[in-house]
Protein backbone atom coordinates (compact mmCIF):
# COMPACT_ATOMS: atom_id res chain seq x y z
CA MET A 1 169.44 148.39 71.38
CA ARG A 2 168.68 149.43 74.91
CA THR A 3 166.13 152.04 73.72
CA PHE A 4 164.42 149.42 71.54
CA THR A 5 164.16 147.02 74.50
CA LEU A 6 162.71 149.74 76.71
CA GLN A 7 160.11 150.55 74.06
CA ARG A 8 159.15 146.88 73.81
CA VAL A 9 158.74 146.69 77.59
CA LEU A 10 156.55 149.82 77.66
CA GLN A 11 154.42 148.53 74.79
CA ALA A 12 153.95 145.19 76.54
CA SER A 13 152.98 146.93 79.78
CA LEU A 14 150.42 149.15 78.05
CA LEU A 15 148.98 146.15 76.24
CA ALA A 16 148.65 144.26 79.52
CA LEU A 17 146.89 147.21 81.13
CA ALA A 18 144.49 147.52 78.19
CA VAL A 19 143.69 143.81 78.26
CA GLY A 20 143.16 144.01 82.03
CA ALA A 21 140.83 146.98 81.66
CA VAL A 22 138.80 145.22 78.98
CA ALA A 23 138.58 142.07 81.10
CA THR A 24 137.49 144.06 84.15
CA SER A 25 134.91 145.95 82.10
CA THR A 26 133.59 142.72 80.59
CA THR A 27 133.35 141.11 84.03
CA ALA A 28 131.53 144.15 85.41
CA LEU A 29 129.06 144.11 82.52
CA ALA A 30 128.44 140.40 83.04
CA GLN A 31 127.86 140.95 86.75
CA ASP A 32 125.47 143.83 86.01
CA LYS A 33 123.56 141.63 83.58
CA ASP A 34 123.19 138.85 86.15
CA TRP A 35 122.21 141.27 88.96
CA PRO A 36 120.50 140.54 91.25
CA ALA A 37 121.57 136.95 91.85
CA LYS A 38 121.21 137.05 95.64
CA PRO A 39 119.41 139.02 98.40
CA ILE A 40 119.97 142.78 98.63
CA SER A 41 120.62 144.57 101.94
CA LEU A 42 118.90 147.93 102.44
CA ILE A 43 120.63 149.65 105.34
CA VAL A 44 118.49 151.85 107.59
CA PRO A 45 120.68 154.14 109.76
CA PHE A 46 118.05 154.33 112.51
CA PRO A 47 116.31 151.78 114.78
CA SER A 48 113.13 150.03 113.68
CA GLY A 49 109.82 151.84 114.08
CA GLY A 50 110.84 155.27 112.77
CA THR A 51 110.01 156.92 109.46
CA THR A 52 113.19 155.79 107.69
CA ASP A 53 112.49 152.21 108.70
CA VAL A 54 108.80 152.37 107.66
CA LEU A 55 109.63 153.79 104.23
CA ALA A 56 112.50 151.35 103.69
CA ARG A 57 110.25 148.36 104.38
CA ALA A 58 107.55 149.71 102.07
CA LEU A 59 110.12 150.15 99.28
CA GLY A 60 111.78 146.83 100.06
CA ASP A 61 108.51 144.92 99.69
CA GLN A 62 107.92 146.31 96.21
CA LEU A 63 111.55 146.04 95.13
CA SER A 64 111.61 142.36 96.12
CA LYS A 65 108.61 141.68 93.88
CA GLN A 66 110.11 143.50 90.91
CA LEU A 67 113.61 142.03 91.16
CA GLY A 68 112.71 138.50 92.21
CA GLN A 69 115.17 138.59 95.13
CA PRO A 70 114.61 139.35 98.84
CA VAL A 71 115.41 142.91 99.94
CA ILE A 72 116.47 142.65 103.56
CA VAL A 73 116.09 145.78 105.68
CA GLU A 74 118.97 145.98 108.15
CA ASN A 75 118.99 148.57 110.95
CA ARG A 76 122.40 150.10 111.75
CA PRO A 77 121.64 153.10 113.99
CA GLY A 78 124.01 155.49 115.70
CA ALA A 79 125.69 158.90 115.58
CA GLY A 80 122.86 160.75 113.83
CA ALA A 81 122.58 158.20 110.98
CA THR A 82 126.29 158.37 110.14
CA VAL A 83 127.12 154.82 111.29
CA GLY A 84 124.85 153.27 108.68
CA ALA A 85 126.05 155.68 105.97
CA ASP A 86 129.68 154.86 106.72
CA PHE A 87 128.92 151.13 106.49
CA VAL A 88 127.42 151.49 103.01
CA ALA A 89 130.12 153.91 101.84
CA LYS A 90 132.72 151.21 102.58
CA ALA A 91 130.66 148.28 101.25
CA LYS A 92 131.44 146.40 98.03
CA PRO A 93 130.00 148.43 95.11
CA ASP A 94 128.09 145.54 93.57
CA GLY A 95 124.49 146.65 94.06
CA TYR A 96 123.85 144.33 96.99
CA THR A 97 124.29 146.91 99.77
CA LEU A 98 122.19 150.06 99.60
CA LEU A 99 121.46 152.94 101.99
CA MET A 100 118.10 154.45 102.84
CA GLY A 101 119.48 157.94 103.19
CA ALA A 102 117.74 161.04 104.49
CA VAL A 103 118.16 164.79 104.81
CA HIS A 104 119.99 164.14 108.11
CA HIS A 105 123.08 163.13 106.13
CA THR A 106 123.35 166.52 104.42
CA ILE A 107 123.21 168.15 107.85
CA ALA A 108 125.73 165.79 109.45
CA THR A 109 128.31 166.86 106.86
CA SER A 110 128.48 170.27 108.54
CA VAL A 111 127.63 169.31 112.13
CA TYR A 112 130.27 166.65 112.70
CA LYS A 113 133.84 167.93 112.75
CA LYS A 114 135.18 164.59 111.54
CA LEU A 115 133.32 161.92 109.58
CA PRO A 116 134.92 158.67 108.36
CA TYR A 117 133.32 159.14 104.95
CA SER A 118 132.15 161.87 102.56
CA PHE A 119 128.42 161.74 101.86
CA GLN A 120 128.89 163.50 98.52
CA LYS A 121 132.00 161.63 97.35
CA ASP A 122 131.64 158.12 98.78
CA LEU A 123 127.98 157.46 97.96
CA ALA A 124 126.14 157.41 94.63
CA PRO A 125 122.62 158.92 94.71
CA ILE A 126 120.01 156.71 93.02
CA SER A 127 116.62 158.34 93.63
CA PRO A 128 114.59 159.97 96.40
CA ILE A 129 111.39 158.12 97.33
CA ALA A 130 109.47 160.54 99.57
CA LEU A 131 109.33 163.96 101.19
CA VAL A 132 107.88 164.07 104.70
CA PRO A 133 106.96 167.23 106.65
CA ASN A 134 108.23 167.52 110.20
CA VAL A 135 105.65 168.35 112.85
CA MET A 136 105.94 170.15 116.17
CA VAL A 137 104.06 167.89 118.60
CA VAL A 138 103.51 167.87 122.36
CA ASN A 139 101.89 165.48 124.81
CA PRO A 140 98.57 167.27 125.51
CA ALA A 141 98.22 165.61 128.92
CA LYS A 142 101.57 167.03 130.02
CA THR A 143 101.62 170.29 128.01
CA PRO A 144 98.03 171.50 127.41
CA VAL A 145 98.63 174.20 124.78
CA LYS A 146 96.55 174.89 121.67
CA ASN A 147 99.11 176.57 119.41
CA VAL A 148 102.73 177.62 118.95
CA ALA A 149 102.21 181.02 120.59
CA GLU A 150 100.84 179.44 123.76
CA PHE A 151 103.75 177.00 123.83
CA VAL A 152 106.33 179.78 123.44
CA ALA A 153 104.76 181.80 126.27
CA LEU A 154 104.72 178.74 128.53
CA ALA A 155 108.27 177.69 127.59
CA LYS A 156 109.66 181.11 128.54
CA LYS A 157 108.22 180.68 132.03
CA ALA A 158 109.13 177.00 132.45
CA SER A 159 111.50 176.02 135.23
CA PRO A 160 113.26 173.71 134.65
CA GLU A 161 113.37 174.35 130.92
CA PHE A 162 111.28 172.31 128.52
CA SER A 163 113.01 169.53 126.61
CA TYR A 164 112.75 168.43 123.01
CA GLY A 165 113.78 165.07 121.63
CA SER A 166 115.44 164.35 118.29
CA ASN A 167 116.43 161.13 116.60
CA GLY A 168 120.10 161.97 117.06
CA ASN A 169 122.67 164.75 117.14
CA GLY A 170 123.03 166.44 113.79
CA THR A 171 119.65 165.32 112.45
CA ALA A 172 116.87 167.45 110.98
CA GLN A 173 114.93 167.35 114.27
CA HIS A 174 118.00 168.65 116.11
CA LEU A 175 118.49 171.52 113.67
CA ILE A 176 114.77 172.39 113.62
CA GLY A 177 114.85 172.63 117.41
CA THR A 178 117.87 174.91 117.24
CA GLN A 179 116.17 177.15 114.68
CA PHE A 180 112.96 177.23 116.70
CA GLN A 181 114.81 178.45 119.79
CA ALA A 182 116.72 181.10 117.84
CA ILE A 183 113.54 182.54 116.30
CA THR A 184 111.31 182.36 119.39
CA GLY A 185 113.89 183.26 122.05
CA THR A 186 113.14 180.13 124.05
CA GLN A 187 115.54 177.75 125.79
CA LEU A 188 114.92 174.04 125.30
CA LEU A 189 116.97 171.10 126.53
CA HIS A 190 117.99 168.90 123.60
CA VAL A 191 117.65 165.16 124.26
CA PRO A 192 119.12 163.05 121.42
CA TYR A 193 117.84 159.51 120.78
CA LYS A 194 119.05 156.81 118.41
CA GLY A 195 115.84 157.08 116.40
CA SER A 196 112.20 158.10 116.26
CA GLY A 197 110.94 154.88 117.83
CA PRO A 198 112.44 155.37 121.31
CA LEU A 199 111.86 159.14 121.07
CA THR A 200 108.13 158.69 120.47
CA THR A 201 107.88 156.23 123.35
CA ASP A 202 109.34 158.80 125.73
CA LEU A 203 107.23 161.63 124.32
CA LEU A 204 104.07 159.58 124.90
CA GLY A 205 105.32 158.75 128.38
CA GLY A 206 106.05 162.39 129.24
CA GLN A 207 109.83 162.04 129.54
CA VAL A 208 110.35 164.82 126.97
CA THR A 209 108.14 167.86 126.36
CA LEU A 210 108.00 167.93 122.58
CA SER A 211 109.54 166.82 119.30
CA PHE A 212 109.82 168.02 115.73
CA ASP A 213 109.54 164.53 114.31
CA THR A 214 108.41 163.45 110.87
CA LEU A 215 104.70 163.25 110.16
CA THR A 216 104.88 159.55 109.30
CA THR A 217 106.00 158.71 112.84
CA VAL A 218 103.58 160.92 114.79
CA LEU A 219 100.47 160.81 112.58
CA PRO A 220 98.84 157.74 114.22
CA HIS A 221 99.32 159.27 117.68
CA VAL A 222 97.96 162.66 116.56
CA LYS A 223 94.87 160.99 115.11
CA ALA A 224 94.43 159.02 118.33
CA GLY A 225 94.61 162.24 120.40
CA LYS A 226 97.72 161.11 122.27
CA LEU A 227 99.85 163.87 120.72
CA LYS A 228 98.90 167.43 119.77
CA ALA A 229 100.23 168.79 116.46
CA LEU A 230 100.96 172.53 116.74
CA ALA A 231 102.55 173.24 113.34
CA VAL A 232 104.30 171.65 110.36
CA THR A 233 107.80 172.85 109.53
CA THR A 234 107.41 172.95 105.73
CA ALA A 235 106.28 175.94 103.65
CA LYS A 236 102.98 174.24 102.78
CA ARG A 237 100.43 172.51 104.97
CA SER A 238 100.24 168.74 104.85
CA SER A 239 97.29 167.09 103.14
CA ALA A 240 97.33 164.55 105.97
CA LEU A 241 96.83 167.32 108.57
CA PRO A 242 95.11 170.13 106.63
CA ASP A 243 93.96 171.94 109.79
CA VAL A 244 97.47 172.21 111.24
CA PRO A 245 99.21 175.51 110.31
CA THR A 246 102.74 175.91 109.02
CA MET A 247 105.42 177.47 111.21
CA GLU A 248 105.23 180.53 108.96
CA GLU A 249 101.49 180.83 109.58
CA ALA A 250 102.18 180.44 113.30
CA GLY A 251 104.42 183.52 113.16
CA LEU A 252 107.88 182.03 112.52
CA LYS A 253 108.85 183.73 109.26
CA GLY A 254 110.95 181.85 106.74
CA PHE A 255 110.69 178.50 108.52
CA ASP A 256 110.86 175.74 105.87
CA ILE A 257 112.54 172.42 106.66
CA GLY A 258 111.24 169.03 105.53
CA THR A 259 112.76 165.55 105.49
CA TRP A 260 113.46 163.72 102.25
CA PHE A 261 114.33 160.05 102.05
CA GLY A 262 116.14 158.31 99.22
CA VAL A 263 118.33 155.41 98.15
CA LEU A 264 122.09 155.56 97.65
CA ALA A 265 124.82 153.04 96.82
CA PRO A 266 128.61 152.95 97.28
CA ALA A 267 130.22 155.52 94.95
CA ALA A 268 132.05 152.99 92.75
CA THR A 269 128.86 151.12 91.85
CA PRO A 270 128.87 150.68 88.03
CA LYS A 271 126.78 153.32 86.24
CA PRO A 272 124.63 150.74 84.40
CA LEU A 273 123.68 149.26 87.76
CA VAL A 274 122.84 152.70 89.21
CA ALA A 275 120.67 153.36 86.16
CA ARG A 276 118.91 150.00 86.60
CA LEU A 277 118.24 150.70 90.27
CA ASN A 278 116.97 154.19 89.45
CA ALA A 279 114.54 152.80 86.87
CA GLU A 280 113.24 150.15 89.28
CA ILE A 281 112.77 152.62 92.15
CA VAL A 282 111.13 155.32 90.02
CA LYS A 283 108.71 152.68 88.72
CA ILE A 284 107.78 151.76 92.30
CA VAL A 285 107.41 155.37 93.50
CA ASN A 286 105.12 156.16 90.57
CA SER A 287 102.92 153.10 91.14
CA PRO A 288 99.41 153.75 92.57
CA GLU A 289 99.95 151.13 95.29
CA PHE A 290 103.11 152.76 96.65
CA GLN A 291 101.73 156.30 96.35
CA GLN A 292 98.61 155.36 98.27
CA ARG A 293 100.74 153.76 100.96
CA MET A 294 102.93 156.87 101.25
CA LEU A 295 100.05 159.35 101.37
CA ALA A 296 98.30 157.28 104.06
CA ALA A 297 101.48 157.56 106.14
CA GLY A 298 101.73 161.33 105.66
CA ALA A 299 104.54 161.13 103.12
CA GLU A 300 104.60 162.69 99.66
CA PRO A 301 105.97 160.29 96.99
CA LEU A 302 109.04 161.76 95.28
CA SER A 303 111.37 160.40 92.58
CA SER A 304 113.93 161.83 90.16
CA THR A 305 116.96 161.01 88.05
CA SER A 306 120.20 160.18 89.85
CA GLU A 307 121.65 163.49 88.61
CA ALA A 308 118.75 165.53 89.99
CA PHE A 309 119.01 163.69 93.31
CA ALA A 310 122.74 164.48 93.46
CA LYS A 311 121.98 168.17 92.85
CA ARG A 312 119.39 168.18 95.66
CA ILE A 313 122.01 166.74 98.00
CA ASP A 314 124.61 169.31 96.94
CA ASP A 315 122.16 172.23 97.30
CA GLU A 316 120.89 171.15 100.71
CA THR A 317 124.40 170.51 102.00
CA VAL A 318 125.18 174.16 101.28
CA LYS A 319 121.85 175.34 102.75
CA PHE A 320 122.26 173.43 106.00
CA ALA A 321 125.90 174.44 106.34
CA GLY A 322 124.64 178.01 106.67
CA LEU A 323 121.96 177.07 109.21
CA VAL A 324 124.44 175.01 111.23
CA LYS A 325 126.89 177.90 111.32
CA GLU A 326 124.13 180.33 112.27
CA GLY A 327 122.92 178.04 115.06
CA LYS A 328 126.49 177.22 116.19
CA VAL A 329 125.73 173.48 116.17
CA THR A 330 128.85 171.33 116.38
CA ILE A 331 129.52 167.74 117.44
CA GLU A 332 132.90 166.17 118.07
């Protein structure tokens, strides 16, 4: 009798769980069908004015038109883009809070000893939107050099040492600067900023000697003659600056680091919603209007499936872990 009662209790419990799961699934599907029913927040982990911010606003404009709801770009800078990533990782997974992620996040995984989130486990990749070369630039009024070789020769004689700015500890600019010093045998003082906006202001003002910032940020100043581009950090030259050599062409063998940007959501976001977001973003990236806007800013439009984006993140996390270890870059 007791065994029969226990079986009845177990059966009732399993039935309740099954009904609950079906109800939850049905509710989720209904919510996905109604999405979006309110404004969407696109979190930028850097201050306004930098490349991440510029690309996020360009995407947000088009996404708003396609979805019929406002896409609000919200800047949450700090700690090499990890503050904004942590915010999204802990947000409700309902498709209303998204992250404009960047290559910096795959570097931060190895640079920071302790992070309050896992970039690979707590965030769901949706699609990349652009790949942007980084550019070694100097203020020609303060550092009148014509090429990388001249800069290296001058830097080795400089007293006090030259400084380079980055848009935060553990970002691509920081790691590029570390690699540059290791290959050239120079010593540069690293000055971290909260983003490209304040960094560029100080570079134009002569407070820092150089930067390895993204092309999107520095291109207007290079064209205006206020900054001098010495080399791009990617394996190929940029179509926006065809006369500027690559680091490899400038004598730094094997130098190939660029900055990708892409959209991610909290990890528990329903798969149908991730697929919908991927389809909407890929459609935008492939549109002539968006591509023209990206190319004019020095960015190369880039989209993929969510799975391919996840693989890129996994591969680059491994790649940068090696570079971080080699450069002995650590942040508490």
